[in-house]
C-alpha atoms as a PDB file:
ATOM      1  CA  MET A   1     -63.706 -19.237  51.741  1.00  0.00           C
ATOM      2  CA  ALA A   2     -60.487 -18.823  49.730  1.00  0.00           C
ATOM      3  CA  ARG A   3     -61.181 -22.145  48.014  1.00  0.00           C
ATOM      4  CA  SER A   4     -64.583 -20.984  46.754  1.00  0.00           C
ATOM      5  CA  THR A   5     -63.100 -17.691  45.540  1.00  0.00           C
ATOM      6  CA  ILE A   6     -60.445 -19.530  43.541  1.00  0.00           C
ATOM      7  CA  ASN A   7     -63.093 -21.800  42.041  1.00  0.00           C
ATOM      8  CA  ASP A   8     -65.224 -18.779  41.155  1.00  0.00           C
ATOM      9  CA  VAL A   9     -62.280 -17.094  39.430  1.00  0.00           C
ATOM     10  CA  LYS A  10     -61.450 -20.279  37.499  1.00  0.00           C
ATOM     11  CA  SER A  11     -65.087 -20.612  36.454  1.00  0.00           C
ATOM     12  CA  LEU A  12     -65.210 -16.982  35.345  1.00  0.00           C
ATOM     13  CA  LEU A  13     -61.999 -17.301  33.328  1.00  0.00           C
ATOM     14  CA  HIS A  14     -63.225 -20.501  31.680  1.00  0.00           C
ATOM     15  CA  THR A  15     -66.516 -18.819  30.749  1.00  0.00           C
ATOM     16  CA  LEU A  16     -64.741 -15.779  29.312  1.00  0.00           C
ATOM     17  CA  ARG A  17     -62.290 -17.953  27.358  1.00  0.00           C
ATOM     18  CA  SER A  18     -65.056 -20.075  25.864  1.00  0.00           C
ATOM     19  CA  ALA A  19     -67.114 -17.002  24.940  1.00  0.00           C
ATOM     20  CA  TYR A  20     -64.105 -15.277  23.379  1.00  0.00           C
ATOM     21  CA  SER A  21     -63.224 -18.356  21.321  1.00  0.00           C
ATOM     22  CA  ALA A  22     -66.471 -17.828  19.387  1.00  0.00           C
ATOM     23  CA  THR A  23     -65.405 -14.280  18.445  1.00  0.00           C
ATOM     24  CA  PRO A  24     -64.560 -13.809  14.734  1.00  0.00           C
ATOM     25  CA  SER A  25     -60.890 -13.447  13.876  1.00  0.00           C
ATOM     26  CA  ASN A  26     -61.236  -9.900  12.499  1.00  0.00           C
ATOM     27  CA  LEU A  27     -62.520  -8.724  15.888  1.00  0.00           C
ATOM     28  CA  LYS A  28     -59.667 -10.519  17.636  1.00  0.00           C
ATOM     29  CA  ILE A  29     -57.178  -8.683  15.421  1.00  0.00           C
ATOM     30  CA  ILE A  30     -58.772  -5.349  16.338  1.00  0.00           C
ATOM     31  CA  ASP A  31     -58.618  -6.344  20.023  1.00  0.00           C
ATOM     32  CA  LEU A  32     -54.923  -7.101  19.645  1.00  0.00           C
ATOM     33  CA  TYR A  33     -54.378  -3.701  18.006  1.00  0.00           C
ATOM     34  CA  VAL A  34     -56.168  -1.952  20.882  1.00  0.00           C
ATOM     35  CA  ALA A  35     -54.084  -3.855  23.447  1.00  0.00           C
ATOM     36  CA  PHE A  36     -50.889  -2.903  21.586  1.00  0.00           C
ATOM     37  CA  ALA A  37     -51.855   0.778  21.518  1.00  0.00           C
ATOM     38  CA  VAL A  38     -52.662   0.836  25.236  1.00  0.00           C
ATOM     39  CA  PHE A  39     -49.464  -1.098  26.055  1.00  0.00           C
ATOM     40  CA  THR A  40     -47.429   1.419  24.056  1.00  0.00           C
ATOM     41  CA  ALA A  41     -49.027   4.283  25.997  1.00  0.00           C
ATOM     42  CA  LEU A  42     -48.203   2.552  29.280  1.00  0.00           C
ATOM     43  CA  ILE A  43     -44.573   2.114  28.198  1.00  0.00           C
ATOM     44  CA  GLN A  44     -44.387   5.834  27.437  1.00  0.00           C
ATOM     45  CA  VAL A  45     -45.834   6.722  30.841  1.00  0.00           C
ATOM     46  CA  ALA A  46     -43.350   4.413  32.570  1.00  0.00           C
ATOM     47  CA  TYR A  47     -40.490   5.942  30.590  1.00  0.00           C
ATOM     48  CA  ILE A  48     -41.498   9.468  31.525  1.00  0.00           C
ATOM     49  CA  ALA A  49     -41.799   8.424  35.184  1.00  0.00           C
ATOM     50  CA  ILE A  50     -38.292   6.925  35.181  1.00  0.00           C
ATOM     51  CA  VAL A  51     -36.348   9.332  32.975  1.00  0.00           C
ATOM     52  CA  GLY A  52     -38.181  12.618  33.384  1.00  0.00           C
ATOM     53  CA  SER A  53     -40.482  14.845  31.406  1.00  0.00           C
ATOM     54  CA  PHE A  54     -38.168  17.178  29.532  1.00  0.00           C
ATOM     55  CA  PRO A  55     -39.845  17.140  26.090  1.00  0.00           C
ATOM     56  CA  PHE A  56     -43.332  17.252  27.623  1.00  0.00           C
ATOM     57  CA  ASN A  57     -45.059  18.065  24.317  1.00  0.00           C
ATOM     58  CA  SER A  58     -43.548  14.933  22.790  1.00  0.00           C
ATOM     59  CA  PHE A  59     -44.756  12.845  25.714  1.00  0.00           C
ATOM     60  CA  LEU A  60     -48.286  14.248  25.473  1.00  0.00           C
ATOM     61  CA  SER A  61     -48.333  13.759  21.714  1.00  0.00           C
ATOM     62  CA  GLY A  62     -47.219  10.152  21.984  1.00  0.00           C
ATOM     63  CA  VAL A  63     -49.645   9.182  24.719  1.00  0.00           C
ATOM     64  CA  LEU A  64     -52.590  11.010  23.160  1.00  0.00           C
ATOM     65  CA  SER A  65     -51.796   9.408  19.816  1.00  0.00           C
ATOM     66  CA  CYS A  66     -51.834   5.929  21.364  1.00  0.00           C
ATOM     67  CA  ILE A  67     -54.983   6.489  23.382  1.00  0.00           C
ATOM     68  CA  GLY A  68     -56.779   8.200  20.489  1.00  0.00           C
ATOM     69  CA  THR A  69     -55.886   5.353  18.155  1.00  0.00           C
ATOM     70  CA  ALA A  70     -57.142   2.829  20.707  1.00  0.00           C
ATOM     71  CA  VAL A  71     -60.456   4.683  21.069  1.00  0.00           C
ATOM     72  CA  LEU A  72     -60.905   4.837  17.300  1.00  0.00           C
ATOM     73  CA  ALA A  73     -60.125   1.115  17.043  1.00  0.00           C
ATOM     74  CA  VAL A  74     -62.757   0.343  19.687  1.00  0.00           C
ATOM     75  CA  CYS A  75     -65.250   2.355  17.620  1.00  0.00           C
ATOM     76  CA  LEU A  76     -64.227   0.332  14.559  1.00  0.00           C
ATOM     77  CA  ARG A  77     -64.751  -2.900  16.497  1.00  0.00           C
ATOM     78  CA  ILE A  78     -68.232  -1.803  17.531  1.00  0.00           C
ATOM     79  CA  GLN A  79     -69.167  -0.938  13.946  1.00  0.00           C
ATOM     80  CA  VAL A  80     -67.730  -4.117  12.395  1.00  0.00           C
ATOM     81  CA  ASN A  81     -69.292  -6.505  14.931  1.00  0.00           C
ATOM     82  CA  LYS A  82     -72.074  -8.482  13.225  1.00  0.00           C
ATOM     83  CA  GLU A  83     -73.967  -8.975  16.493  1.00  0.00           C
ATOM     84  CA  ASN A  84     -74.390  -5.223  16.965  1.00  0.00           C
ATOM     85  CA  LYS A  85     -77.847  -4.346  15.684  1.00  0.00           C
ATOM     86  CA  GLU A  86     -77.265  -0.585  15.548  1.00  0.00           C
ATOM     87  CA  PHE A  87     -74.752  -0.787  12.702  1.00  0.00           C
ATOM     88  CA  LYS A  88     -76.187  -3.705  10.729  1.00  0.00           C
ATOM     89  CA  ASP A  89     -76.723  -1.564   7.598  1.00  0.00           C
ATOM     90  CA  LEU A  90     -73.185  -0.136   7.710  1.00  0.00           C
ATOM     91  CA  PRO A  91     -70.775  -2.033   5.433  1.00  0.00           C
ATOM     92  CA  PRO A  92     -67.405  -2.943   6.992  1.00  0.00           C
ATOM     93  CA  GLU A  93     -65.578  -1.067   4.224  1.00  0.00           C
ATOM     94  CA  ARG A  94     -67.304   2.169   5.241  1.00  0.00           C
ATOM     95  CA  ALA A  95     -66.431   1.607   8.890  1.00  0.00           C
ATOM     96  CA  PHE A  96     -62.792   1.004   7.986  1.00  0.00           C
ATOM     97  CA  ALA A  97     -62.732   4.106   5.773  1.00  0.00           C
ATOM     98  CA  ASP A  98     -64.107   6.158   8.685  1.00  0.00           C
ATOM     99  CA  PHE A  99     -61.402   4.672  10.920  1.00  0.00           C
ATOM    100  CA  VAL A 100     -58.637   5.600   8.479  1.00  0.00           C
ATOM    101  CA  LEU A 101     -59.968   9.131   7.948  1.00  0.00           C
ATOM    102  CA  CYS A 102     -60.328   9.769  11.688  1.00  0.00           C
ATOM    103  CA  ASN A 103     -56.815   8.422  12.292  1.00  0.00           C
ATOM    104  CA  LEU A 104     -55.494  10.760   9.620  1.00  0.00           C
ATOM    105  CA  VAL A 105     -57.160  13.759  11.276  1.00  0.00           C
ATOM    106  CA  LEU A 106     -55.976  12.647  14.726  1.00  0.00           C
ATOM    107  CA  HIS A 107     -52.374  12.310  13.642  1.00  0.00           C
ATOM    108  CA  LEU A 108     -52.427  15.621  11.763  1.00  0.00           C
ATOM    109  CA  VAL A 109     -53.535  17.274  15.010  1.00  0.00           C
ATOM    110  CA  ILE A 110     -50.814  15.413  16.929  1.00  0.00           C
ATOM    111  CA  ILE A 111     -48.138  16.490  14.449  1.00  0.00           C
ATOM    112  CA  ASN A 112     -49.414  20.084  14.654  1.00  0.00           C
ATOM    113  CA  PHE A 113     -49.221  19.917  18.455  1.00  0.00           C
ATOM    114  CA  LEU A 114     -45.575  18.846  18.278  1.00  0.00           C
ATOM    115  CA  GLY A 115     -44.816  22.125  16.588  1.00  0.00           C
END
């Protein structure tokens, strides 16, 4: 039974790797950006768990900034993807401009929350 499970996992990973290799490079860059933002949020959570939560507003601002940026980047990835039929009329420049504007608003709110 364990042998078949290992073979199933290997087959699944091979399928995912081959499907992801066909992904355009601009989407891979956005995926890397999302992974970096989530990883940064996880580092902040680990730090606050180890050291303590004295400047709690700073911790919340940092984590919400990372998670908000990751969510906006996922929205950008959805809009830029050529295979997505819902946004086929939306030019990539417009999607990127929306991403930048939303990030600006998000970070203005985060800076305001810091005090």
